[in-house]
Amino acid sequence: ICSFCLGQTEENQTFVAEFIFLGLSQDLHTQILLFILFLLIYLLTVLGNLLIIILIFMDSRLHTPMYFFLRNLSFADLCFSTSIVPQVLVHFLVKRKNISFFACMTQVIVFLLVGCTECALLAVMSYDRYVAVCKPLHYSTIMTQQVCLKLAIGSWASGTLVSLVDTTFTFHLPYRGQNIINHYFCELPALLKLASADTYSTEMAIFAMGVVILLAPVSLILASYWHIISTVIQMRSGEGRLKAFSTCGSHLVVVVLFYGSGIFTYMRPNSKTTKVQDKMISVFYTMVTPMLNPIIYSLRNKDVKGAVRKLAGRKFFS
């Protein structure tokens, strides 16, 4: 039972003022190993995404629609990972893994905003690749600077909308008494298990937002890559086909990890208990994909490698 409260109702029930996480493991040695692993993942995530943002800003050759969206994705990845991982790392080192009610709400808002924005951005990027591969002669007229700006703003606006709807429905519920979250951060399904009221309407709202921000984008992505692969198959160059399949394959791996884990978490009936596999699955979209995105979408690219060499040469000779 929570010993801290914001106030009391007429029935002498206390409102939760903080939550306590059970985390990923109670074993000390496991926590140390996880701390080292997650710290390495976070450092790679920060360095990789910062490098992409700096390269795209400094190299004029990367001022194209594809890299414009990549810069937005890298910024979203930075915010996404930073909203969760530093707190998780601190909790590996302390005995009492607590977070205030308002800090938990803030984490949910930021996490959902940038996470949902990333869902939309990945769909926009797949459309950009579809136009580049399937309609190369019309690419410059379709993906104009104005269109790219509108697509980016639309992605951030959709993320903001979903975040506000989900957060409003979740924190409109009363939380009294029980404050122990069987998770490592404030994730909505885990929070709803502690609500002191019926959560059906909230679950339906979250499901509806999931259709908008998860199922709709992943459908667009799969349709785009289906057309891309169909076009690639007709290529005469075997080397070109192999390169295109390699790129599409790596992109689809990230899509499966990110959307698959997100759909599993947010678009199935909310059980009363949180299983170990539920927490492990959330690791994929909160930590693994933000680390992989710079590698998959950018650092394997010839133009980005050239920009890295150019930047390294400038630093070396300055």
C-alpha atoms as a PDB file:
ATOM      1  CA  ILE A   1       0.000   0.000   0.000  1.00  0.00           C
ATOM      2  CA  CYS A   2       1.285   3.465  -0.825  1.00  0.00           C
ATOM      3  CA  SER A   3       2.427   5.407   2.232  1.00  0.00           C
ATOM      4  CA  PHE A   4       2.449   8.727   0.360  1.00  0.00           C
ATOM      5  CA  CYS A   5      -0.771  10.334  -0.785  1.00  0.00           C
ATOM      6  CA  LEU A   6      -2.052  13.449  -2.476  1.00  0.00           C
ATOM      7  CA  GLY A   7      -5.218  13.561  -0.462  1.00  0.00           C
ATOM      8  CA  GLN A   8      -8.086  11.529   0.926  1.00  0.00           C
ATOM      9  CA  THR A   9     -11.574  10.895  -0.342  1.00  0.00           C
ATOM     10  CA  GLU A  10     -14.644  10.939   1.856  1.00  0.00           C
ATOM     11  CA  GLU A  11     -14.302   7.158   2.114  1.00  0.00           C
ATOM     12  CA  ASN A  12     -10.802   7.641   3.594  1.00  0.00           C
ATOM     13  CA  GLN A  13      -9.087   6.209   0.491  1.00  0.00           C
ATOM     14  CA  THR A  14      -5.659   7.572  -0.392  1.00  0.00           C
ATOM     15  CA  PHE A  15      -4.639   8.765  -3.837  1.00  0.00           C
ATOM     16  CA  VAL A  16      -1.316   7.506  -5.162  1.00  0.00           C
ATOM     17  CA  ALA A  17       1.458  10.110  -5.104  1.00  0.00           C
ATOM     18  CA  GLU A  18       4.213   7.828  -6.417  1.00  0.00           C
ATOM     19  CA  PHE A  19       4.700   4.488  -8.131  1.00  0.00           C
ATOM     20  CA  ILE A  20       7.276   1.811  -7.329  1.00  0.00           C
ATOM     21  CA  PHE A  21       8.725  -0.364 -10.116  1.00  0.00           C
ATOM     22  CA  LEU A  22       9.559  -4.036  -9.724  1.00  0.00           C
ATOM     23  CA  GLY A  23      11.938  -3.701 -12.691  1.00  0.00           C
ATOM     24  CA  LEU A  24      13.249  -6.415 -14.968  1.00  0.00           C
ATOM     25  CA  SER A  25      14.924  -8.494 -12.268  1.00  0.00           C
ATOM     26  CA  GLN A  26      15.329  -8.664  -8.485  1.00  0.00           C
ATOM     27  CA  ASP A  27      18.665 -10.498  -8.709  1.00  0.00           C
ATOM     28  CA  LEU A  28      21.649  -8.219  -7.998  1.00  0.00           C
ATOM     29  CA  HIS A  29      24.046  -9.868 -10.480  1.00  0.00           C
ATOM     30  CA  THR A  30      21.409  -9.784 -13.233  1.00  0.00           C
ATOM     31  CA  GLN A  31      20.784  -6.106 -12.540  1.00  0.00           C
ATOM     32  CA  ILE A  32      24.505  -5.342 -12.881  1.00  0.00           C
ATOM     33  CA  LEU A  33      24.686  -7.195 -16.207  1.00  0.00           C
ATOM     34  CA  LEU A  34      21.550  -5.427 -17.456  1.00  0.00           C
ATOM     35  CA  PHE A  35      22.958  -2.065 -16.347  1.00  0.00           C
ATOM     36  CA  ILE A  36      26.108  -2.626 -18.425  1.00  0.00           C
ATOM     37  CA  LEU A  37      24.123  -3.872 -21.424  1.00  0.00           C
ATOM     38  CA  PHE A  38      21.561  -1.045 -21.359  1.00  0.00           C
ATOM     39  CA  LEU A  39      24.269   1.574 -20.817  1.00  0.00           C
ATOM     40  CA  LEU A  40      26.104   0.356 -23.931  1.00  0.00           C
ATOM     41  CA  ILE A  41      22.851   0.333 -25.910  1.00  0.00           C
ATOM     42  CA  TYR A  42      22.005   3.859 -24.751  1.00  0.00           C
ATOM     43  CA  LEU A  43      25.465   5.217 -25.574  1.00  0.00           C
ATOM     44  CA  LEU A  44      25.304   3.678 -29.060  1.00  0.00           C
ATOM     45  CA  THR A  45      21.817   5.115 -29.514  1.00  0.00           C
ATOM     46  CA  VAL A  46      22.859   8.631 -28.489  1.00  0.00           C
ATOM     47  CA  LEU A  47      26.131   8.629 -30.471  1.00  0.00           C
ATOM     48  CA  GLY A  48      24.581   7.097 -33.589  1.00  0.00           C
ATOM     49  CA  ASN A  49      21.586   9.430 -33.726  1.00  0.00           C
ATOM     50  CA  LEU A  50      23.608  12.542 -32.849  1.00  0.00           C
ATOM     51  CA  LEU A  51      26.090  11.666 -35.595  1.00  0.00           C
ATOM     52  CA  ILE A  52      23.275  11.397 -38.144  1.00  0.00           C
ATOM     53  CA  ILE A  53      21.782  14.751 -37.102  1.00  0.00           C
ATOM     54  CA  ILE A  54      25.189  16.498 -37.267  1.00  0.00           C
ATOM     55  CA  LEU A  55      26.141  14.936 -40.627  1.00  0.00           C
ATOM     56  CA  ILE A  56      22.845  15.865 -42.272  1.00  0.00           C
ATOM     57  CA  PHE A  57      23.090  19.413 -40.915  1.00  0.00           C
ATOM     58  CA  MET A  58      26.705  19.945 -42.071  1.00  0.00           C
ATOM     59  CA  ASP A  59      26.807  18.138 -45.434  1.00  0.00           C
ATOM     60  CA  SER A  60      24.820  19.835 -48.205  1.00  0.00           C
ATOM     61  CA  ARG A  61      24.765  16.579 -50.213  1.00  0.00           C
ATOM     62  CA  LEU A  62      22.465  15.139 -47.556  1.00  0.00           C
ATOM     63  CA  HIS A  63      19.903  17.940 -47.850  1.00  0.00           C
ATOM     64  CA  THR A  64      17.394  15.679 -49.606  1.00  0.00           C
ATOM     65  CA  PRO A  65      13.893  14.474 -48.607  1.00  0.00           C
ATOM     66  CA  MET A  66      15.164  11.077 -47.433  1.00  0.00           C
ATOM     67  CA  TYR A  67      17.723  12.591 -45.063  1.00  0.00           C
ATOM     68  CA  PHE A  68      15.289  15.265 -43.925  1.00  0.00           C
ATOM     69  CA  PHE A  69      13.027  12.488 -42.629  1.00  0.00           C
ATOM     70  CA  LEU A  70      16.041  10.608 -41.220  1.00  0.00           C
ATOM     71  CA  ARG A  71      16.996  13.686 -39.199  1.00  0.00           C
ATOM     72  CA  ASN A  72      13.488  13.803 -37.756  1.00  0.00           C
ATOM     73  CA  LEU A  73      13.653  10.067 -37.006  1.00  0.00           C
ATOM     74  CA  SER A  74      17.021  10.420 -35.267  1.00  0.00           C
ATOM     75  CA  PHE A  75      15.731  13.271 -33.105  1.00  0.00           C
ATOM     76  CA  ALA A  76      12.648  11.211 -32.213  1.00  0.00           C
ATOM     77  CA  ASP A  77      14.869   8.221 -31.351  1.00  0.00           C
ATOM     78  CA  LEU A  78      17.001  10.386 -29.056  1.00  0.00           C
ATOM     79  CA  CYS A  79      13.967  11.696 -27.174  1.00  0.00           C
ATOM     80  CA  PHE A  80      12.313   8.268 -27.159  1.00  0.00           C
ATOM     81  CA  SER A  81      15.287   6.504 -25.619  1.00  0.00           C
ATOM     82  CA  THR A  82      16.154   9.342 -23.227  1.00  0.00           C
ATOM     83  CA  SER A  83      12.619   9.433 -21.809  1.00  0.00           C
ATOM     84  CA  ILE A  84      13.108   5.895 -20.446  1.00  0.00           C
ATOM     85  CA  VAL A  85      16.661   4.517 -20.368  1.00  0.00           C
ATOM     86  CA  PRO A  86      18.402   6.970 -17.965  1.00  0.00           C
ATOM     87  CA  GLN A  87      15.722   6.305 -15.337  1.00  0.00           C
ATOM     88  CA  VAL A  88      16.073   2.539 -15.855  1.00  0.00           C
ATOM     89  CA  LEU A  89      19.866   2.791 -15.432  1.00  0.00           C
ATOM     90  CA  VAL A  90      19.479   4.722 -12.166  1.00  0.00           C
ATOM     91  CA  HIS A  91      16.980   2.165 -10.872  1.00  0.00           C
ATOM     92  CA  PHE A  92      19.498  -0.634 -11.432  1.00  0.00           C
ATOM     93  CA  LEU A  93      21.756   1.110  -8.903  1.00  0.00           C
ATOM     94  CA  VAL A  94      19.218   1.921  -6.178  1.00  0.00           C
ATOM     95  CA  LYS A  95      17.144  -0.247  -3.896  1.00  0.00           C
ATOM     96  CA  ARG A  96      13.922   1.771  -4.049  1.00  0.00           C
ATOM     97  CA  LYS A  97      12.796   2.149  -7.662  1.00  0.00           C
ATOM     98  CA  ASN A  98      10.206   4.888  -7.346  1.00  0.00           C
ATOM     99  CA  ILE A  99       8.791   7.675  -9.521  1.00  0.00           C
ATOM    100  CA  SER A 100       6.374  10.436  -8.583  1.00  0.00           C
ATOM    101  CA  PHE A 101       2.866  10.472 -10.038  1.00  0.00           C
ATOM    102  CA  PHE A 102       3.553  13.635 -12.044  1.00  0.00           C
ATOM    103  CA  ALA A 103       6.949  12.379 -13.270  1.00  0.00           C
ATOM    104  CA  CYS A 104       5.229   9.175 -14.396  1.00  0.00           C
ATOM    105  CA  MET A 105       2.611  11.191 -16.286  1.00  0.00           C
ATOM    106  CA  THR A 106       5.341  13.303 -17.916  1.00  0.00           C
ATOM    107  CA  GLN A 107       7.220  10.170 -18.965  1.00  0.00           C
ATOM    108  CA  VAL A 108       4.070   8.736 -20.553  1.00  0.00           C
ATOM    109  CA  ILE A 109       3.368  11.967 -22.462  1.00  0.00           C
ATOM    110  CA  VAL A 110       6.911  12.253 -23.878  1.00  0.00           C
ATOM    111  CA  PHE A 111       7.262   8.527 -24.527  1.00  0.00           C
ATOM    112  CA  LEU A 112       3.972   8.342 -26.431  1.00  0.00           C
ATOM    113  CA  LEU A 113       4.520  11.605 -28.309  1.00  0.00           C
ATOM    114  CA  VAL A 114       7.898  10.683 -29.779  1.00  0.00           C
ATOM    115  CA  GLY A 115       7.069   6.968 -30.083  1.00  0.00           C
ATOM    116  CA  CYS A 116       3.880   7.605 -32.052  1.00  0.00           C
ATOM    117  CA  THR A 117       5.655  10.256 -34.125  1.00  0.00           C
ATOM    118  CA  GLU A 118       8.253   7.631 -35.015  1.00  0.00           C
ATOM    119  CA  CYS A 119       5.464   5.285 -36.141  1.00  0.00           C
ATOM    120  CA  ALA A 120       4.238   7.949 -38.551  1.00  0.00           C
ATOM    121  CA  LEU A 121       7.748   8.908 -39.700  1.00  0.00           C
ATOM    122  CA  LEU A 122       8.623   5.315 -40.607  1.00  0.00           C
ATOM    123  CA  ALA A 123       5.493   5.191 -42.778  1.00  0.00           C
ATOM    124  CA  VAL A 124       6.396   8.519 -44.430  1.00  0.00           C
ATOM    125  CA  MET A 125       9.929   7.250 -45.090  1.00  0.00           C
ATOM    126  CA  SER A 126       8.591   4.092 -46.711  1.00  0.00           C
ATOM    127  CA  TYR A 127       6.426   6.250 -48.996  1.00  0.00           C
ATOM    128  CA  ASP A 128       9.469   8.357 -49.861  1.00  0.00           C
ATOM    129  CA  ARG A 129      11.382   5.186 -50.839  1.00  0.00           C
ATOM    130  CA  TYR A 130       8.371   3.967 -52.853  1.00  0.00           C
ATOM    131  CA  VAL A 131       8.326   7.187 -54.885  1.00  0.00           C
ATOM    132  CA  ALA A 132      12.119   7.097 -55.353  1.00  0.00           C
ATOM    133  CA  VAL A 133      12.156   3.492 -56.629  1.00  0.00           C
ATOM    134  CA  CYS A 134       8.810   3.168 -58.416  1.00  0.00           C
ATOM    135  CA  LYS A 135       8.384   6.716 -59.757  1.00  0.00           C
ATOM    136  CA  PRO A 136      11.972   8.011 -60.142  1.00  0.00           C
ATOM    137  CA  LEU A 137      11.145  10.436 -62.975  1.00  0.00           C
ATOM    138  CA  HIS A 138       8.479  12.171 -60.873  1.00  0.00           C
ATOM    139  CA  TYR A 139      10.338  12.078 -57.548  1.00  0.00           C
ATOM    140  CA  SER A 140      11.441  15.724 -57.539  1.00  0.00           C
ATOM    141  CA  THR A 141       7.965  16.970 -58.409  1.00  0.00           C
ATOM    142  CA  ILE A 142       6.177  14.736 -55.854  1.00  0.00           C
ATOM    143  CA  MET A 143       8.555  15.036 -52.877  1.00  0.00           C
ATOM    144  CA  THR A 144       8.946  18.807 -52.882  1.00  0.00           C
ATOM    145  CA  GLN A 145      10.295  20.716 -49.903  1.00  0.00           C
ATOM    146  CA  GLN A 146       6.792  21.887 -49.031  1.00  0.00           C
ATOM    147  CA  VAL A 147       5.383  18.347 -49.171  1.00  0.00           C
ATOM    148  CA  CYS A 148       8.210  17.002 -46.991  1.00  0.00           C
ATOM    149  CA  LEU A 149       7.617  19.729 -44.417  1.00  0.00           C
ATOM    150  CA  LYS A 150       3.892  18.970 -44.313  1.00  0.00           C
ATOM    151  CA  LEU A 151       4.540  15.228 -43.920  1.00  0.00           C
ATOM    152  CA  ALA A 152       6.981  15.865 -41.055  1.00  0.00           C
ATOM    153  CA  ILE A 153       4.593  18.263 -39.304  1.00  0.00           C
ATOM    154  CA  GLY A 154       1.766  15.780 -39.815  1.00  0.00           C
ATOM    155  CA  SER A 155       3.864  13.036 -38.211  1.00  0.00           C
ATOM    156  CA  TRP A 156       4.612  15.130 -35.125  1.00  0.00           C
ATOM    157  CA  ALA A 157       0.996  16.312 -34.945  1.00  0.00           C
ATOM    158  CA  SER A 158      -0.321  12.741 -35.072  1.00  0.00           C
ATOM    159  CA  GLY A 159       2.108  11.730 -32.324  1.00  0.00           C
ATOM    160  CA  THR A 160       0.950  14.662 -30.191  1.00  0.00           C
ATOM    161  CA  LEU A 161      -2.729  13.813 -30.743  1.00  0.00           C
ATOM    162  CA  VAL A 162      -2.345  10.137 -29.817  1.00  0.00           C
ATOM    163  CA  SER A 163      -0.233  11.037 -26.788  1.00  0.00           C
ATOM    164  CA  LEU A 164      -2.819  13.510 -25.480  1.00  0.00           C
ATOM    165  CA  VAL A 165      -5.751  11.136 -26.017  1.00  0.00           C
ATOM    166  CA  ASP A 166      -4.064   8.119 -24.378  1.00  0.00           C
ATOM    167  CA  THR A 167      -2.649  10.164 -21.492  1.00  0.00           C
ATOM    168  CA  THR A 168      -5.957  11.933 -20.808  1.00  0.00           C
ATOM    169  CA  PHE A 169      -7.924   8.681 -20.689  1.00  0.00           C
ATOM    170  CA  THR A 170      -5.283   6.908 -18.574  1.00  0.00           C
ATOM    171  CA  PHE A 171      -4.705   9.586 -15.935  1.00  0.00           C
ATOM    172  CA  HIS A 172      -8.364  10.551 -15.740  1.00  0.00           C
ATOM    173  CA  LEU A 173      -8.796   7.236 -13.898  1.00  0.00           C
ATOM    174  CA  PRO A 174      -8.407   7.243 -10.098  1.00  0.00           C
ATOM    175  CA  TYR A 175      -5.335   5.517  -8.646  1.00  0.00           C
ATOM    176  CA  ARG A 176      -5.816   4.686  -4.975  1.00  0.00           C
ATOM    177  CA  GLY A 177      -3.886   2.404  -2.666  1.00  0.00           C
ATOM    178  CA  GLN A 178      -1.923  -0.007  -4.866  1.00  0.00           C
ATOM    179  CA  ASN A 179       1.128   1.654  -6.402  1.00  0.00           C
ATOM    180  CA  ILE A 180       3.523  -1.183  -7.329  1.00  0.00           C
ATOM    181  CA  ILE A 181       4.063  -1.435 -11.115  1.00  0.00           C
ATOM    182  CA  ASN A 182       5.352  -4.765 -12.380  1.00  0.00           C
ATOM    183  CA  HIS A 183       7.417  -3.051 -15.068  1.00  0.00           C
ATOM    184  CA  TYR A 184      10.559  -0.947 -15.528  1.00  0.00           C
ATOM    185  CA  PHE A 185       8.868   2.270 -16.719  1.00  0.00           C
ATOM    186  CA  CYS A 186       5.405   3.863 -16.829  1.00  0.00           C
ATOM    187  CA  GLU A 187       3.799   1.924 -19.660  1.00  0.00           C
ATOM    188  CA  LEU A 188       0.045   2.242 -20.134  1.00  0.00           C
ATOM    189  CA  PRO A 189      -0.995  -1.445 -19.916  1.00  0.00           C
ATOM    190  CA  ALA A 190       0.965  -1.836 -16.662  1.00  0.00           C
ATOM    191  CA  LEU A 191      -0.533   1.383 -15.239  1.00  0.00           C
ATOM    192  CA  LEU A 192      -4.106   0.393 -16.055  1.00  0.00           C
ATOM    193  CA  LYS A 193      -3.751  -2.686 -13.851  1.00  0.00           C
ATOM    194  CA  LEU A 194      -3.509  -0.335 -10.840  1.00  0.00           C
ATOM    195  CA  ALA A 195      -6.546   1.816 -11.662  1.00  0.00           C
ATOM    196  CA  SER A 196      -9.297   1.867  -9.040  1.00  0.00           C
ATOM    197  CA  ALA A 197     -12.101   2.034 -11.615  1.00  0.00           C
ATOM    198  CA  ASP A 198     -13.345   0.240 -14.711  1.00  0.00           C
ATOM    199  CA  THR A 199     -10.772   0.636 -17.508  1.00  0.00           C
ATOM    200  CA  TYR A 200     -12.881  -0.575 -20.458  1.00  0.00           C
ATOM    201  CA  SER A 201     -13.392   2.866 -22.057  1.00  0.00           C
ATOM    202  CA  THR A 202      -9.689   3.695 -21.629  1.00  0.00           C
ATOM    203  CA  GLU A 203      -8.642   0.382 -23.190  1.00  0.00           C
ATOM    204  CA  MET A 204     -10.981   1.037 -26.142  1.00  0.00           C
ATOM    205  CA  ALA A 205      -9.524   4.538 -26.607  1.00  0.00           C
ATOM    206  CA  ILE A 206      -5.968   3.151 -26.552  1.00  0.00           C
ATOM    207  CA  PHE A 207      -6.999   0.421 -29.010  1.00  0.00           C
ATOM    208  CA  ALA A 208      -8.548   3.003 -31.366  1.00  0.00           C
ATOM    209  CA  MET A 209      -5.401   5.123 -31.234  1.00  0.00           C
ATOM    210  CA  GLY A 210      -3.398   1.958 -31.909  1.00  0.00           C
ATOM    211  CA  VAL A 211      -5.356   1.399 -35.115  1.00  0.00           C
ATOM    212  CA  VAL A 212      -4.539   4.974 -36.178  1.00  0.00           C
ATOM    213  CA  ILE A 213      -0.852   5.050 -35.254  1.00  0.00           C
ATOM    214  CA  LEU A 214       0.185   1.368 -35.485  1.00  0.00           C
ATOM    215  CA  LEU A 215      -1.991  -0.598 -37.918  1.00  0.00           C
ATOM    216  CA  ALA A 216      -2.467   2.195 -40.482  1.00  0.00           C
ATOM    217  CA  PRO A 217       1.272   3.052 -40.784  1.00  0.00           C
ATOM    218  CA  VAL A 218       2.401  -0.589 -40.861  1.00  0.00           C
ATOM    219  CA  SER A 219      -0.162  -1.279 -43.626  1.00  0.00           C
ATOM    220  CA  LEU A 220       1.245   1.630 -45.650  1.00  0.00           C
ATOM    221  CA  ILE A 221       4.802   0.410 -45.055  1.00  0.00           C
ATOM    222  CA  LEU A 222       4.027  -3.153 -46.178  1.00  0.00           C
ATOM    223  CA  ALA A 223       2.176  -1.881 -49.259  1.00  0.00           C
ATOM    224  CA  SER A 224       5.087   0.446 -50.152  1.00  0.00           C
ATOM    225  CA  TYR A 225       7.707  -2.279 -49.817  1.00  0.00           C
ATOM    226  CA  TRP A 226       5.539  -4.721 -51.766  1.00  0.00           C
ATOM    227  CA  HIS A 227       5.551  -2.295 -54.704  1.00  0.00           C
ATOM    228  CA  ILE A 228       9.271  -1.612 -54.226  1.00  0.00           C
ATOM    229  CA  ILE A 229      10.120  -5.328 -54.258  1.00  0.00           C
ATOM    230  CA  SER A 230       7.898  -5.873 -57.325  1.00  0.00           C
ATOM    231  CA  THR A 231       9.763  -3.096 -59.126  1.00  0.00           C
ATOM    232  CA  VAL A 232      13.165  -4.395 -58.009  1.00  0.00           C
ATOM    233  CA  ILE A 233      12.412  -7.892 -59.332  1.00  0.00           C
ATOM    234  CA  GLN A 234      12.052  -6.402 -62.818  1.00  0.00           C
ATOM    235  CA  MET A 235      15.541  -4.865 -62.687  1.00  0.00           C
ATOM    236  CA  ARG A 236      18.026  -6.255 -65.195  1.00  0.00           C
ATOM    237  CA  SER A 237      21.041  -5.720 -62.936  1.00  0.00           C
ATOM    238  CA  GLY A 238      21.581  -8.634 -60.556  1.00  0.00           C
ATOM    239  CA  GLU A 239      23.814  -6.470 -58.364  1.00  0.00           C
ATOM    240  CA  GLY A 240      21.120  -3.794 -58.167  1.00  0.00           C
ATOM    241  CA  ARG A 241      18.504  -6.374 -57.178  1.00  0.00           C
ATOM    242  CA  LEU A 242      20.748  -7.807 -54.468  1.00  0.00           C
ATOM    243  CA  LYS A 243      21.476  -4.354 -53.026  1.00  0.00           C
ATOM    244  CA  ALA A 244      17.810  -3.368 -53.085  1.00  0.00           C
ATOM    245  CA  PHE A 245      16.695  -6.635 -51.438  1.00  0.00           C
ATOM    246  CA  SER A 246      19.369  -6.213 -48.768  1.00  0.00           C
ATOM    247  CA  THR A 247      18.159  -2.683 -48.008  1.00  0.00           C
ATOM    248  CA  CYS A 248      14.473  -3.649 -48.003  1.00  0.00           C
ATOM    249  CA  GLY A 249      15.185  -6.690 -45.838  1.00  0.00           C
ATOM    250  CA  SER A 250      17.013  -4.679 -43.177  1.00  0.00           C
ATOM    251  CA  HIS A 251      14.265  -2.037 -43.156  1.00  0.00           C
ATOM    252  CA  LEU A 252      11.573  -4.699 -42.736  1.00  0.00           C
ATOM    253  CA  VAL A 253      13.466  -6.261 -39.807  1.00  0.00           C
ATOM    254  CA  VAL A 254      13.229  -2.927 -37.958  1.00  0.00           C
ATOM    255  CA  VAL A 255       9.547  -2.607 -38.923  1.00  0.00           C
ATOM    256  CA  VAL A 256       8.751  -6.080 -37.568  1.00  0.00           C
ATOM    257  CA  LEU A 257      10.630  -5.421 -34.297  1.00  0.00           C
ATOM    258  CA  PHE A 258       9.151  -1.970 -33.716  1.00  0.00           C
ATOM    259  CA  TYR A 259       5.560  -2.385 -34.875  1.00  0.00           C
ATOM    260  CA  GLY A 260       5.299  -6.062 -33.902  1.00  0.00           C
ATOM    261  CA  SER A 261       6.259  -5.420 -30.287  1.00  0.00           C
ATOM    262  CA  GLY A 262       4.119  -2.272 -30.157  1.00  0.00           C
ATOM    263  CA  ILE A 263       1.045  -4.040 -31.553  1.00  0.00           C
ATOM    264  CA  PHE A 264       1.564  -6.962 -29.152  1.00  0.00           C
ATOM    265  CA  THR A 265       1.691  -4.563 -26.187  1.00  0.00           C
ATOM    266  CA  TYR A 266      -1.069  -2.086 -27.031  1.00  0.00           C
ATOM    267  CA  MET A 267      -3.543  -3.949 -29.226  1.00  0.00           C
ATOM    268  CA  ARG A 268      -4.473  -7.048 -27.250  1.00  0.00           C
ATOM    269  CA  PRO A 269      -6.769  -7.552 -24.244  1.00  0.00           C
ATOM    270  CA  ASN A 270      -5.227  -6.129 -21.082  1.00  0.00           C
ATOM    271  CA  SER A 271      -4.709  -9.027 -18.658  1.00  0.00           C
ATOM    272  CA  LYS A 272      -4.627  -8.463 -14.917  1.00  0.00           C
ATOM    273  CA  THR A 273      -0.992  -9.555 -14.592  1.00  0.00           C
ATOM    274  CA  THR A 274       2.212  -8.480 -16.337  1.00  0.00           C
ATOM    275  CA  LYS A 275       4.306 -11.395 -17.516  1.00  0.00           C
ATOM    276  CA  VAL A 276       8.088 -11.408 -17.873  1.00  0.00           C
ATOM    277  CA  GLN A 277       7.813 -11.716 -21.668  1.00  0.00           C
ATOM    278  CA  ASP A 278       5.658  -8.567 -21.789  1.00  0.00           C
ATOM    279  CA  LYS A 279       8.472  -6.562 -20.198  1.00  0.00           C
ATOM    280  CA  MET A 280      11.116  -8.147 -22.421  1.00  0.00           C
ATOM    281  CA  ILE A 281       9.105  -7.431 -25.577  1.00  0.00           C
ATOM    282  CA  SER A 282       8.877  -3.743 -24.637  1.00  0.00           C
ATOM    283  CA  VAL A 283      12.699  -3.657 -24.538  1.00  0.00           C
ATOM    284  CA  PHE A 284      12.708  -4.109 -28.333  1.00  0.00           C
ATOM    285  CA  TYR A 285      10.849  -0.903 -29.152  1.00  0.00           C
ATOM    286  CA  THR A 286      12.136   1.206 -26.240  1.00  0.00           C
ATOM    287  CA  MET A 287      15.842   0.368 -26.530  1.00  0.00           C
ATOM    288  CA  VAL A 288      16.793  -1.893 -29.450  1.00  0.00           C
ATOM    289  CA  THR A 289      15.116  -0.152 -32.408  1.00  0.00           C
ATOM    290  CA  PRO A 290      16.347   3.380 -31.469  1.00  0.00           C
ATOM    291  CA  MET A 291      19.862   1.906 -31.534  1.00  0.00           C
ATOM    292  CA  LEU A 292      19.330   0.016 -34.810  1.00  0.00           C
ATOM    293  CA  ASN A 293      17.644   2.826 -36.789  1.00  0.00           C
ATOM    294  CA  PRO A 294      20.830   4.881 -37.396  1.00  0.00           C
ATOM    295  CA  ILE A 295      22.679   1.748 -38.508  1.00  0.00           C
ATOM    296  CA  ILE A 296      19.921   0.363 -40.725  1.00  0.00           C
ATOM    297  CA  TYR A 297      18.684   3.588 -42.317  1.00  0.00           C
ATOM    298  CA  SER A 298      21.806   5.725 -42.399  1.00  0.00           C
ATOM    299  CA  LEU A 299      25.276   4.475 -41.479  1.00  0.00           C
ATOM    300  CA  ARG A 300      25.196   1.671 -44.082  1.00  0.00           C
ATOM    301  CA  ASN A 301      24.473   4.266 -46.778  1.00  0.00           C
ATOM    302  CA  LYS A 302      27.227   5.279 -49.219  1.00  0.00           C
ATOM    303  CA  ASP A 303      26.371   9.000 -48.990  1.00  0.00           C
ATOM    304  CA  VAL A 304      26.494   8.950 -45.188  1.00  0.00           C
ATOM    305  CA  LYS A 305      29.826   7.087 -45.201  1.00  0.00           C
ATOM    306  CA  GLY A 306      31.188   9.783 -47.505  1.00  0.00           C
ATOM    307  CA  ALA A 307      29.911  12.493 -45.162  1.00  0.00           C
ATOM    308  CA  VAL A 308      31.611  10.754 -42.215  1.00  0.00           C
ATOM    309  CA  ARG A 309      34.947  10.647 -44.066  1.00  0.00           C
ATOM    310  CA  LYS A 310      34.550  14.295 -45.059  1.00  0.00           C
ATOM    311  CA  LEU A 311      33.797  15.338 -41.467  1.00  0.00           C
ATOM    312  CA  ALA A 312      36.664  13.214 -40.102  1.00  0.00           C
ATOM    313  CA  GLY A 313      39.078  14.735 -42.625  1.00  0.00           C
ATOM    314  CA  ARG A 314      37.951  18.255 -41.728  1.00  0.00           C
ATOM    315  CA  LYS A 315      38.510  17.611 -38.020  1.00  0.00           C
ATOM    316  CA  PHE A 316      41.863  15.974 -38.646  1.00  0.00           C
ATOM    317  CA  PHE A 317      43.293  18.770 -40.744  1.00  0.00           C
ATOM    318  CA  SER A 318      41.753  21.703 -38.856  1.00  0.00           C
END
